[in-house]
Amino acid sequence: MSRRRLLLGSLGLPIAAAQRHAHEAAATDPPPALTFFDAETTVEIERITGQIIPSDGTPGAREAGVIHFIDRALATFHRDKRRVYRDGLRAAQKKRAEMFPGFRRIADLTPDQQVALLQAIEKTRFFGEVRTHTILAFFGHPSHGGNRNLAGWRLIGFEDRPAFEPPFGYYDAGEGKGR
């Protein structure tokens, strides 16, 4: 029995089923429920990610479902970052209270005030993690929970093609030259 036949026979179906499930889960509308973030934290983190990749004429972090990627990451493969988020958001709230005492939440700030707050915390580990997760979610494969409707890929002109295509003219470059 060849290796290809063995792999297709023993692993092919479960892998294909897992991939199909991941793509279906990512394509569900509405997106799956959040498992790590509570409602209040969701709004706060979503406002922060919305300033990192804003919706200014093109879809931003909110439209791309970045919050779902971050929630999934913190619930699964980035469990070790949970404390960074909890402590960091608490510190960001403390900084917000210092800078803008009349407001109770980051979400209540104007966009300019949110930017000022993020500039004040941009050197923190928390902001670094949120920024990294936001970028990964916005440009990553939709099966991971972000990049809803391919918002990030469309923004940069990326087309997800299943096969490599050589540059135009590659195969016929030697045409007429004695080949």
N, C-alpha and C. Protein backbone atom coordinates (compact mmCIF):
# COMPACT_ATOMS: atom_id res chain seq x y z
N MET A 1 0.86 -1.19 0.00
CA MET A 1 0.00 0.00 0.00
C MET A 1 0.90 1.24 0.00
N SER A 2 0.58 2.18 -0.84
CA SER A 2 1.38 3.40 -0.92
C SER A 2 1.08 4.32 0.26
N ARG A 3 2.02 5.21 0.54
CA ARG A 3 1.82 6.18 1.63
C ARG A 3 0.63 7.08 1.34
N ARG A 4 0.48 7.49 0.09
CA ARG A 4 -0.64 8.36 -0.28
C ARG A 4 -1.97 7.67 0.01
N ARG A 5 -2.09 6.42 -0.40
CA ARG A 5 -3.33 5.68 -0.17
C ARG A 5 -3.57 5.51 1.33
N LEU A 6 -2.53 5.22 2.09
CA LEU A 6 -2.66 5.06 3.53
C LEU A 6 -3.14 6.36 4.17
N LEU A 7 -2.50 7.48 3.80
CA LEU A 7 -2.90 8.77 4.37
C LEU A 7 -4.32 9.14 3.98
N LEU A 8 -4.65 8.97 2.73
CA LEU A 8 -6.01 9.31 2.30
C LEU A 8 -7.04 8.42 2.97
N GLY A 9 -6.70 7.17 3.12
CA GLY A 9 -7.64 6.24 3.73
C GLY A 9 -7.81 6.43 5.22
N SER A 10 -6.71 6.64 5.94
CA SER A 10 -6.81 6.71 7.40
C SER A 10 -6.96 8.12 7.93
N LEU A 11 -6.37 9.09 7.26
CA LEU A 11 -6.41 10.46 7.78
C LEU A 11 -7.25 11.41 6.94
N GLY A 12 -7.41 11.11 5.68
CA GLY A 12 -8.06 12.03 4.76
C GLY A 12 -9.45 12.44 5.19
N LEU A 13 -10.30 11.51 5.53
CA LEU A 13 -11.67 11.85 5.90
C LEU A 13 -11.75 12.66 7.19
N PRO A 14 -11.06 12.25 8.27
CA PRO A 14 -11.14 13.08 9.48
C PRO A 14 -10.58 14.49 9.28
N ILE A 15 -9.51 14.63 8.52
CA ILE A 15 -8.93 15.96 8.27
C ILE A 15 -9.90 16.79 7.44
N ALA A 16 -10.46 16.19 6.41
CA ALA A 16 -11.42 16.92 5.58
C ALA A 16 -12.63 17.33 6.39
N ALA A 17 -13.10 16.46 7.27
CA ALA A 17 -14.26 16.79 8.11
C ALA A 17 -13.92 17.93 9.07
N ALA A 18 -12.72 17.89 9.64
CA ALA A 18 -12.31 18.96 10.56
C ALA A 18 -12.19 20.29 9.83
N GLN A 19 -11.62 20.27 8.63
CA GLN A 19 -11.51 21.50 7.85
C GLN A 19 -12.88 22.04 7.48
N ARG A 20 -13.78 21.16 7.06
CA ARG A 20 -15.13 21.58 6.70
C ARG A 20 -15.83 22.20 7.91
N HIS A 21 -15.67 21.57 9.08
CA HIS A 21 -16.29 22.09 10.30
C HIS A 21 -15.73 23.48 10.64
N ALA A 22 -14.41 23.64 10.52
CA ALA A 22 -13.79 24.94 10.83
C ALA A 22 -14.31 26.02 9.90
N HIS A 23 -14.40 25.71 8.62
CA HIS A 23 -14.89 26.71 7.66
C HIS A 23 -16.36 27.03 7.88
N GLU A 24 -17.16 26.03 8.21
CA GLU A 24 -18.58 26.28 8.48
C GLU A 24 -18.75 27.11 9.75
N ALA A 25 -17.96 26.81 10.77
CA ALA A 25 -18.05 27.58 12.02
C ALA A 25 -17.65 29.03 11.79
N ALA A 26 -16.64 29.25 10.96
CA ALA A 26 -16.20 30.62 10.69
C ALA A 26 -17.21 31.38 9.84
N ALA A 27 -17.97 30.65 9.04
CA ALA A 27 -18.91 31.30 8.12
C ALA A 27 -20.30 31.49 8.72
N THR A 28 -20.53 31.00 9.93
CA THR A 28 -21.86 31.12 10.51
C THR A 28 -22.21 32.56 10.74
N ASP A 29 -23.50 32.86 10.55
CA ASP A 29 -23.97 34.22 10.75
C ASP A 29 -25.21 34.15 11.61
N PRO A 30 -25.24 34.62 12.81
CA PRO A 30 -24.21 35.41 13.48
C PRO A 30 -23.04 34.55 13.94
N PRO A 31 -21.93 35.22 14.29
CA PRO A 31 -20.75 34.49 14.74
C PRO A 31 -21.05 33.71 16.03
N PRO A 32 -20.25 32.71 16.31
CA PRO A 32 -20.46 31.94 17.53
C PRO A 32 -20.38 32.81 18.78
N ALA A 33 -21.03 32.38 19.83
CA ALA A 33 -21.03 33.12 21.09
C ALA A 33 -19.61 33.18 21.66
N LEU A 34 -19.34 34.25 22.37
CA LEU A 34 -18.04 34.41 23.00
C LEU A 34 -17.98 33.52 24.24
N THR A 35 -16.80 32.98 24.50
CA THR A 35 -16.66 32.08 25.64
C THR A 35 -15.78 32.63 26.76
N PHE A 36 -14.85 33.51 26.43
CA PHE A 36 -13.96 34.05 27.46
C PHE A 36 -14.44 35.42 27.95
N PHE A 37 -14.74 36.32 27.04
CA PHE A 37 -15.11 37.69 27.41
C PHE A 37 -16.56 37.76 27.87
N ASP A 38 -16.80 38.59 28.89
CA ASP A 38 -18.18 38.92 29.25
C ASP A 38 -18.61 40.10 28.39
N ALA A 39 -19.87 40.48 28.50
CA ALA A 39 -20.43 41.53 27.62
C ALA A 39 -19.69 42.86 27.78
N GLU A 40 -19.40 43.25 29.01
CA GLU A 40 -18.74 44.54 29.27
C GLU A 40 -17.31 44.54 28.71
N THR A 41 -16.59 43.47 28.95
CA THR A 41 -15.21 43.38 28.45
C THR A 41 -15.19 43.34 26.92
N THR A 42 -16.16 42.67 26.33
CA THR A 42 -16.26 42.61 24.88
C THR A 42 -16.33 44.00 24.28
N VAL A 43 -17.18 44.85 24.84
CA VAL A 43 -17.35 46.21 24.32
C VAL A 43 -16.04 47.00 24.47
N GLU A 44 -15.38 46.86 25.60
CA GLU A 44 -14.14 47.61 25.84
C GLU A 44 -13.03 47.17 24.87
N ILE A 45 -12.83 45.87 24.76
CA ILE A 45 -11.78 45.36 23.87
C ILE A 45 -12.12 45.69 22.42
N GLU A 46 -13.39 45.61 22.07
CA GLU A 46 -13.79 45.94 20.70
C GLU A 46 -13.51 47.41 20.37
N ARG A 47 -13.67 48.30 21.33
CA ARG A 47 -13.35 49.73 21.08
C ARG A 47 -11.85 49.92 20.88
N ILE A 48 -11.06 49.19 21.65
CA ILE A 48 -9.60 49.28 21.50
C ILE A 48 -9.18 48.76 20.13
N THR A 49 -9.68 47.58 19.75
CA THR A 49 -9.31 47.02 18.44
C THR A 49 -9.83 47.90 17.31
N GLY A 50 -10.95 48.55 17.54
CA GLY A 50 -11.51 49.45 16.53
C GLY A 50 -10.68 50.70 16.31
N GLN A 51 -9.85 51.05 17.26
CA GLN A 51 -8.93 52.17 17.06
C GLN A 51 -7.62 51.69 16.43
N ILE A 52 -7.28 50.42 16.62
CA ILE A 52 -6.07 49.87 16.01
C ILE A 52 -6.28 49.70 14.50
N ILE A 53 -7.43 49.12 14.12
CA ILE A 53 -7.80 49.02 12.71
C ILE A 53 -9.21 49.61 12.61
N PRO A 54 -9.28 50.92 12.35
CA PRO A 54 -10.59 51.59 12.32
C PRO A 54 -11.39 51.32 11.05
N SER A 55 -12.67 51.60 11.15
CA SER A 55 -13.59 51.49 10.01
C SER A 55 -13.70 52.87 9.38
N ASP A 56 -12.74 53.22 8.57
CA ASP A 56 -12.73 54.56 7.97
C ASP A 56 -12.77 54.46 6.45
N GLY A 57 -13.93 54.10 5.94
CA GLY A 57 -14.09 53.94 4.51
C GLY A 57 -13.92 52.50 4.05
N THR A 58 -13.31 51.68 4.86
CA THR A 58 -13.18 50.25 4.59
C THR A 58 -13.54 49.52 5.88
N PRO A 59 -13.87 48.23 5.79
CA PRO A 59 -14.16 47.49 7.02
C PRO A 59 -12.95 47.50 7.95
N GLY A 60 -13.24 47.61 9.23
CA GLY A 60 -12.19 47.60 10.24
C GLY A 60 -12.26 46.37 11.12
N ALA A 61 -11.64 46.46 12.28
CA ALA A 61 -11.58 45.33 13.20
C ALA A 61 -12.96 44.84 13.61
N ARG A 62 -13.87 45.75 13.84
CA ARG A 62 -15.22 45.34 14.26
C ARG A 62 -15.92 44.53 13.16
N GLU A 63 -15.90 45.03 11.94
CA GLU A 63 -16.56 44.33 10.84
C GLU A 63 -15.89 42.98 10.54
N ALA A 64 -14.60 42.89 10.78
CA ALA A 64 -13.86 41.65 10.51
C ALA A 64 -14.01 40.64 11.63
N GLY A 65 -14.72 40.99 12.72
CA GLY A 65 -14.94 40.03 13.80
C GLY A 65 -13.70 39.73 14.61
N VAL A 66 -12.81 40.71 14.74
CA VAL A 66 -11.57 40.52 15.48
C VAL A 66 -11.82 40.03 16.91
N ILE A 67 -12.87 40.52 17.54
CA ILE A 67 -13.17 40.13 18.92
C ILE A 67 -13.38 38.63 19.04
N HIS A 68 -13.93 38.00 18.01
CA HIS A 68 -14.17 36.55 18.06
C HIS A 68 -12.87 35.77 17.99
N PHE A 69 -11.92 36.26 17.20
CA PHE A 69 -10.61 35.62 17.16
C PHE A 69 -9.93 35.74 18.53
N ILE A 70 -9.94 36.93 19.10
CA ILE A 70 -9.26 37.14 20.39
C ILE A 70 -9.92 36.30 21.46
N ASP A 71 -11.24 36.27 21.48
CA ASP A 71 -11.95 35.45 22.46
C ASP A 71 -11.58 33.98 22.31
N ARG A 72 -11.57 33.49 21.09
CA ARG A 72 -11.22 32.09 20.84
C ARG A 72 -9.77 31.83 21.25
N ALA A 73 -8.87 32.77 20.94
CA ALA A 73 -7.46 32.61 21.30
C ALA A 73 -7.30 32.50 22.81
N LEU A 74 -7.96 33.38 23.55
CA LEU A 74 -7.83 33.38 25.01
C LEU A 74 -8.53 32.18 25.64
N ALA A 75 -9.50 31.61 24.96
CA ALA A 75 -10.19 30.43 25.47
C ALA A 75 -9.44 29.14 25.14
N THR A 76 -8.52 29.21 24.16
CA THR A 76 -7.85 27.98 23.73
C THR A 76 -6.33 28.13 23.74
N PHE A 77 -5.74 28.47 22.61
CA PHE A 77 -4.28 28.39 22.47
C PHE A 77 -3.50 29.51 23.14
N HIS A 78 -4.14 30.60 23.55
CA HIS A 78 -3.43 31.68 24.27
C HIS A 78 -3.99 31.87 25.67
N ARG A 79 -4.29 30.77 26.32
CA ARG A 79 -4.77 30.85 27.71
C ARG A 79 -3.77 31.58 28.60
N ASP A 80 -2.49 31.44 28.28
CA ASP A 80 -1.45 32.08 29.06
C ASP A 80 -1.49 33.61 28.98
N LYS A 81 -2.27 34.16 28.07
CA LYS A 81 -2.38 35.63 27.92
C LYS A 81 -3.59 36.19 28.67
N ARG A 82 -4.38 35.34 29.30
CA ARG A 82 -5.58 35.81 30.00
C ARG A 82 -5.26 36.86 31.06
N ARG A 83 -4.24 36.60 31.85
CA ARG A 83 -3.89 37.54 32.92
C ARG A 83 -3.43 38.88 32.34
N VAL A 84 -2.71 38.83 31.22
CA VAL A 84 -2.28 40.06 30.56
C VAL A 84 -3.50 40.90 30.19
N TYR A 85 -4.52 40.26 29.66
CA TYR A 85 -5.74 40.97 29.28
C TYR A 85 -6.47 41.49 30.51
N ARG A 86 -6.65 40.64 31.52
CA ARG A 86 -7.40 41.08 32.71
C ARG A 86 -6.69 42.23 33.42
N ASP A 87 -5.41 42.03 33.72
CA ASP A 87 -4.66 43.07 34.43
C ASP A 87 -4.48 44.31 33.56
N GLY A 88 -4.23 44.09 32.28
CA GLY A 88 -4.01 45.21 31.37
C GLY A 88 -5.26 46.06 31.18
N LEU A 89 -6.41 45.41 31.06
CA LEU A 89 -7.64 46.18 30.92
C LEU A 89 -7.95 46.94 32.20
N ARG A 90 -7.67 46.34 33.33
CA ARG A 90 -7.86 47.02 34.62
C ARG A 90 -6.95 48.26 34.69
N ALA A 91 -5.69 48.12 34.26
CA ALA A 91 -4.76 49.25 34.26
C ALA A 91 -5.20 50.32 33.25
N ALA A 92 -5.72 49.88 32.10
CA ALA A 92 -6.22 50.84 31.10
C ALA A 92 -7.42 51.60 31.65
N GLN A 93 -8.26 50.92 32.41
CA GLN A 93 -9.41 51.59 33.02
C GLN A 93 -8.95 52.60 34.07
N LYS A 94 -7.91 52.25 34.78
CA LYS A 94 -7.36 53.18 35.79
C LYS A 94 -6.79 54.42 35.09
N LYS A 95 -6.09 54.21 33.99
CA LYS A 95 -5.53 55.32 33.22
C LYS A 95 -6.66 56.18 32.63
N ARG A 96 -7.72 55.53 32.16
CA ARG A 96 -8.88 56.25 31.64
C ARG A 96 -9.48 57.13 32.72
N ALA A 97 -9.60 56.61 33.93
CA ALA A 97 -10.16 57.38 35.05
C ALA A 97 -9.29 58.59 35.39
N GLU A 98 -7.97 58.44 35.27
CA GLU A 98 -7.05 59.56 35.51
C GLU A 98 -7.18 60.62 34.42
N MET A 99 -7.21 60.18 33.19
CA MET A 99 -7.22 61.10 32.06
C MET A 99 -8.60 61.72 31.79
N PHE A 100 -9.63 60.92 31.98
CA PHE A 100 -11.00 61.35 31.66
C PHE A 100 -11.94 60.95 32.80
N PRO A 101 -11.86 61.65 33.92
CA PRO A 101 -12.62 61.25 35.12
C PRO A 101 -14.14 61.27 34.95
N GLY A 102 -14.66 61.95 33.99
CA GLY A 102 -16.11 62.01 33.82
C GLY A 102 -16.70 60.82 33.08
N PHE A 103 -15.86 59.86 32.67
CA PHE A 103 -16.34 58.72 31.90
C PHE A 103 -16.13 57.43 32.67
N ARG A 104 -17.08 56.51 32.53
CA ARG A 104 -17.04 55.24 33.25
C ARG A 104 -16.38 54.12 32.46
N ARG A 105 -16.40 54.21 31.13
CA ARG A 105 -15.87 53.13 30.28
C ARG A 105 -15.07 53.72 29.12
N ILE A 106 -14.20 52.90 28.57
CA ILE A 106 -13.45 53.29 27.37
C ILE A 106 -14.43 53.52 26.23
N ALA A 107 -15.46 52.69 26.16
CA ALA A 107 -16.45 52.79 25.10
C ALA A 107 -17.21 54.12 25.13
N ASP A 108 -17.24 54.78 26.29
CA ASP A 108 -17.95 56.06 26.41
C ASP A 108 -17.12 57.25 25.92
N LEU A 109 -15.83 57.03 25.73
CA LEU A 109 -14.95 58.10 25.27
C LEU A 109 -15.19 58.41 23.80
N THR A 110 -14.90 59.62 23.39
CA THR A 110 -14.96 59.95 21.97
C THR A 110 -13.80 59.25 21.27
N PRO A 111 -13.86 59.09 19.95
CA PRO A 111 -12.74 58.45 19.25
C PRO A 111 -11.40 59.14 19.51
N ASP A 112 -11.37 60.46 19.56
CA ASP A 112 -10.10 61.17 19.84
C ASP A 112 -9.61 60.87 21.25
N GLN A 113 -10.52 60.78 22.20
CA GLN A 113 -10.13 60.44 23.57
C GLN A 113 -9.63 59.00 23.66
N GLN A 114 -10.26 58.10 22.91
CA GLN A 114 -9.79 56.72 22.89
C GLN A 114 -8.37 56.63 22.34
N VAL A 115 -8.10 57.38 21.29
CA VAL A 115 -6.75 57.40 20.72
C VAL A 115 -5.75 57.94 21.74
N ALA A 116 -6.11 59.01 22.44
CA ALA A 116 -5.22 59.58 23.46
C ALA A 116 -4.95 58.56 24.56
N LEU A 117 -5.97 57.83 24.97
CA LEU A 117 -5.79 56.80 26.00
C LEU A 117 -4.85 55.70 25.49
N LEU A 118 -5.07 55.26 24.26
CA LEU A 118 -4.23 54.19 23.71
C LEU A 118 -2.78 54.65 23.53
N GLN A 119 -2.59 55.92 23.21
CA GLN A 119 -1.22 56.44 23.13
C GLN A 119 -0.57 56.43 24.51
N ALA A 120 -1.36 56.64 25.54
CA ALA A 120 -0.82 56.64 26.91
C ALA A 120 -0.44 55.24 27.38
N ILE A 121 -1.08 54.20 26.80
CA ILE A 121 -0.78 52.82 27.25
C ILE A 121 -0.07 51.99 26.18
N GLU A 122 0.32 52.62 25.07
CA GLU A 122 0.85 51.85 23.95
C GLU A 122 2.15 51.11 24.25
N LYS A 123 2.87 51.46 25.27
CA LYS A 123 4.12 50.76 25.61
C LYS A 123 3.88 49.60 26.58
N THR A 124 2.63 49.34 26.95
CA THR A 124 2.33 48.27 27.90
C THR A 124 2.26 46.92 27.19
N ARG A 125 2.47 45.88 27.96
CA ARG A 125 2.36 44.52 27.41
C ARG A 125 0.93 44.26 26.94
N PHE A 126 -0.04 44.75 27.68
CA PHE A 126 -1.44 44.58 27.32
C PHE A 126 -1.72 45.13 25.92
N PHE A 127 -1.34 46.37 25.68
CA PHE A 127 -1.61 46.96 24.38
C PHE A 127 -0.87 46.19 23.28
N GLY A 128 0.34 45.76 23.56
CA GLY A 128 1.10 44.97 22.58
C GLY A 128 0.38 43.68 22.21
N GLU A 129 -0.18 43.01 23.21
CA GLU A 129 -0.92 41.77 22.95
C GLU A 129 -2.20 42.04 22.16
N VAL A 130 -2.93 43.08 22.55
CA VAL A 130 -4.16 43.41 21.82
C VAL A 130 -3.84 43.78 20.38
N ARG A 131 -2.81 44.57 20.18
CA ARG A 131 -2.42 44.96 18.82
C ARG A 131 -2.03 43.73 18.00
N THR A 132 -1.22 42.84 18.57
CA THR A 132 -0.81 41.63 17.87
C THR A 132 -2.02 40.76 17.51
N HIS A 133 -2.89 40.54 18.48
CA HIS A 133 -4.08 39.73 18.23
C HIS A 133 -4.99 40.38 17.18
N THR A 134 -5.09 41.69 17.22
CA THR A 134 -5.93 42.40 16.26
C THR A 134 -5.41 42.20 14.84
N ILE A 135 -4.13 42.35 14.66
CA ILE A 135 -3.52 42.19 13.34
C ILE A 135 -3.63 40.74 12.86
N LEU A 136 -3.35 39.79 13.76
CA LEU A 136 -3.49 38.38 13.39
C LEU A 136 -4.92 38.06 12.98
N ALA A 137 -5.88 38.58 13.72
CA ALA A 137 -7.29 38.31 13.44
C ALA A 137 -7.74 38.96 12.14
N PHE A 138 -7.28 40.16 11.89
CA PHE A 138 -7.73 40.90 10.72
C PHE A 138 -7.19 40.31 9.43
N PHE A 139 -5.95 39.82 9.46
CA PHE A 139 -5.33 39.31 8.24
C PHE A 139 -5.21 37.80 8.19
N GLY A 140 -5.58 37.10 9.27
CA GLY A 140 -5.46 35.65 9.30
C GLY A 140 -6.55 34.94 8.54
N HIS A 141 -6.45 33.64 8.50
CA HIS A 141 -7.47 32.84 7.80
C HIS A 141 -8.78 32.90 8.57
N PRO A 142 -9.89 33.09 7.89
CA PRO A 142 -11.19 33.20 8.55
C PRO A 142 -11.56 31.99 9.43
N SER A 143 -11.00 30.84 9.16
CA SER A 143 -11.32 29.66 9.96
C SER A 143 -10.88 29.82 11.41
N HIS A 144 -10.03 30.80 11.69
CA HIS A 144 -9.56 31.03 13.05
C HIS A 144 -10.45 31.99 13.83
N GLY A 145 -11.47 32.51 13.19
CA GLY A 145 -12.43 33.34 13.91
C GLY A 145 -12.45 34.80 13.53
N GLY A 146 -11.45 35.30 12.88
CA GLY A 146 -11.44 36.71 12.46
C GLY A 146 -11.57 36.81 10.95
N ASN A 147 -11.21 37.96 10.42
CA ASN A 147 -11.23 38.21 8.97
C ASN A 147 -12.58 37.83 8.36
N ARG A 148 -13.65 38.20 9.05
CA ARG A 148 -15.01 37.91 8.56
C ARG A 148 -15.21 38.55 7.20
N ASN A 149 -15.84 37.81 6.32
CA ASN A 149 -16.10 38.25 4.94
C ASN A 149 -14.81 38.65 4.21
N LEU A 150 -13.70 38.09 4.67
CA LEU A 150 -12.38 38.33 4.05
C LEU A 150 -12.01 39.81 4.03
N ALA A 151 -12.45 40.55 5.04
CA ALA A 151 -12.22 42.00 5.09
C ALA A 151 -10.74 42.36 4.99
N GLY A 152 -9.90 41.68 5.75
CA GLY A 152 -8.47 41.97 5.72
C GLY A 152 -7.84 41.62 4.40
N TRP A 153 -8.20 40.47 3.86
CA TRP A 153 -7.62 40.04 2.59
C TRP A 153 -8.05 40.97 1.46
N ARG A 154 -9.30 41.38 1.47
CA ARG A 154 -9.77 42.29 0.42
C ARG A 154 -9.05 43.63 0.50
N LEU A 155 -8.78 44.07 1.71
CA LEU A 155 -8.11 45.36 1.90
C LEU A 155 -6.72 45.37 1.24
N ILE A 156 -6.02 44.26 1.31
CA ILE A 156 -4.68 44.20 0.73
C ILE A 156 -4.65 43.54 -0.65
N GLY A 157 -5.82 43.13 -1.16
CA GLY A 157 -5.89 42.54 -2.48
C GLY A 157 -5.45 41.08 -2.56
N PHE A 158 -5.49 40.38 -1.44
CA PHE A 158 -5.09 38.97 -1.42
C PHE A 158 -6.24 38.09 -1.90
N GLU A 159 -5.93 37.18 -2.81
CA GLU A 159 -6.91 36.21 -3.28
C GLU A 159 -6.47 34.83 -2.81
N ASP A 160 -7.32 34.15 -2.09
CA ASP A 160 -7.02 32.81 -1.59
C ASP A 160 -7.30 31.81 -2.70
N ARG A 161 -6.23 31.43 -3.40
CA ARG A 161 -6.36 30.49 -4.50
C ARG A 161 -5.84 29.12 -4.07
N PRO A 162 -6.52 28.06 -4.46
CA PRO A 162 -6.10 26.73 -4.05
C PRO A 162 -4.87 26.20 -4.78
N ALA A 163 -4.43 26.86 -5.85
CA ALA A 163 -3.30 26.34 -6.61
C ALA A 163 -2.38 27.48 -7.03
N PHE A 164 -1.12 27.15 -7.15
CA PHE A 164 -0.13 28.11 -7.61
C PHE A 164 -0.27 28.30 -9.10
N GLU A 165 -0.18 29.53 -9.55
CA GLU A 165 -0.18 29.83 -10.98
C GLU A 165 1.13 30.54 -11.30
N PRO A 166 1.91 29.99 -12.23
CA PRO A 166 3.16 30.66 -12.58
C PRO A 166 2.87 32.00 -13.25
N PRO A 167 3.82 32.88 -13.25
CA PRO A 167 3.62 34.19 -13.89
C PRO A 167 3.25 34.04 -15.36
N PHE A 168 2.48 34.95 -15.86
CA PHE A 168 2.06 34.93 -17.26
C PHE A 168 3.28 34.87 -18.16
N GLY A 169 3.24 33.95 -19.11
CA GLY A 169 4.32 33.83 -20.07
C GLY A 169 5.45 32.92 -19.64
N TYR A 170 5.38 32.36 -18.43
CA TYR A 170 6.46 31.54 -17.91
C TYR A 170 6.74 30.33 -18.80
N TYR A 171 5.68 29.58 -19.15
CA TYR A 171 5.86 28.36 -19.93
C TYR A 171 6.16 28.63 -21.40
N ASP A 172 5.72 29.73 -21.94
CA ASP A 172 5.95 29.99 -23.35
C ASP A 172 7.10 30.98 -23.59
N ALA A 173 7.91 31.19 -22.56
CA ALA A 173 9.02 32.13 -22.69
C ALA A 173 10.01 31.68 -23.75
N GLY A 174 10.19 30.36 -23.90
CA GLY A 174 11.15 29.85 -24.87
C GLY A 174 10.53 29.58 -26.22
N GLU A 175 9.27 29.88 -26.39
CA GLU A 175 8.55 29.64 -27.65
C GLU A 175 9.25 30.35 -28.80
N GLY A 176 9.52 29.62 -29.84
CA GLY A 176 10.12 30.21 -31.03
C GLY A 176 11.62 30.39 -30.92
N LYS A 177 12.24 29.89 -29.86
CA LYS A 177 13.68 30.04 -29.70
C LYS A 177 14.36 28.67 -29.77
N GLY A 178 13.86 27.85 -30.69
CA GLY A 178 14.51 26.57 -30.90
C GLY A 178 14.03 25.49 -29.97
N ARG A 179 13.00 25.71 -29.26
CA ARG A 179 12.50 24.66 -28.37
C ARG A 179 11.48 23.83 -29.04
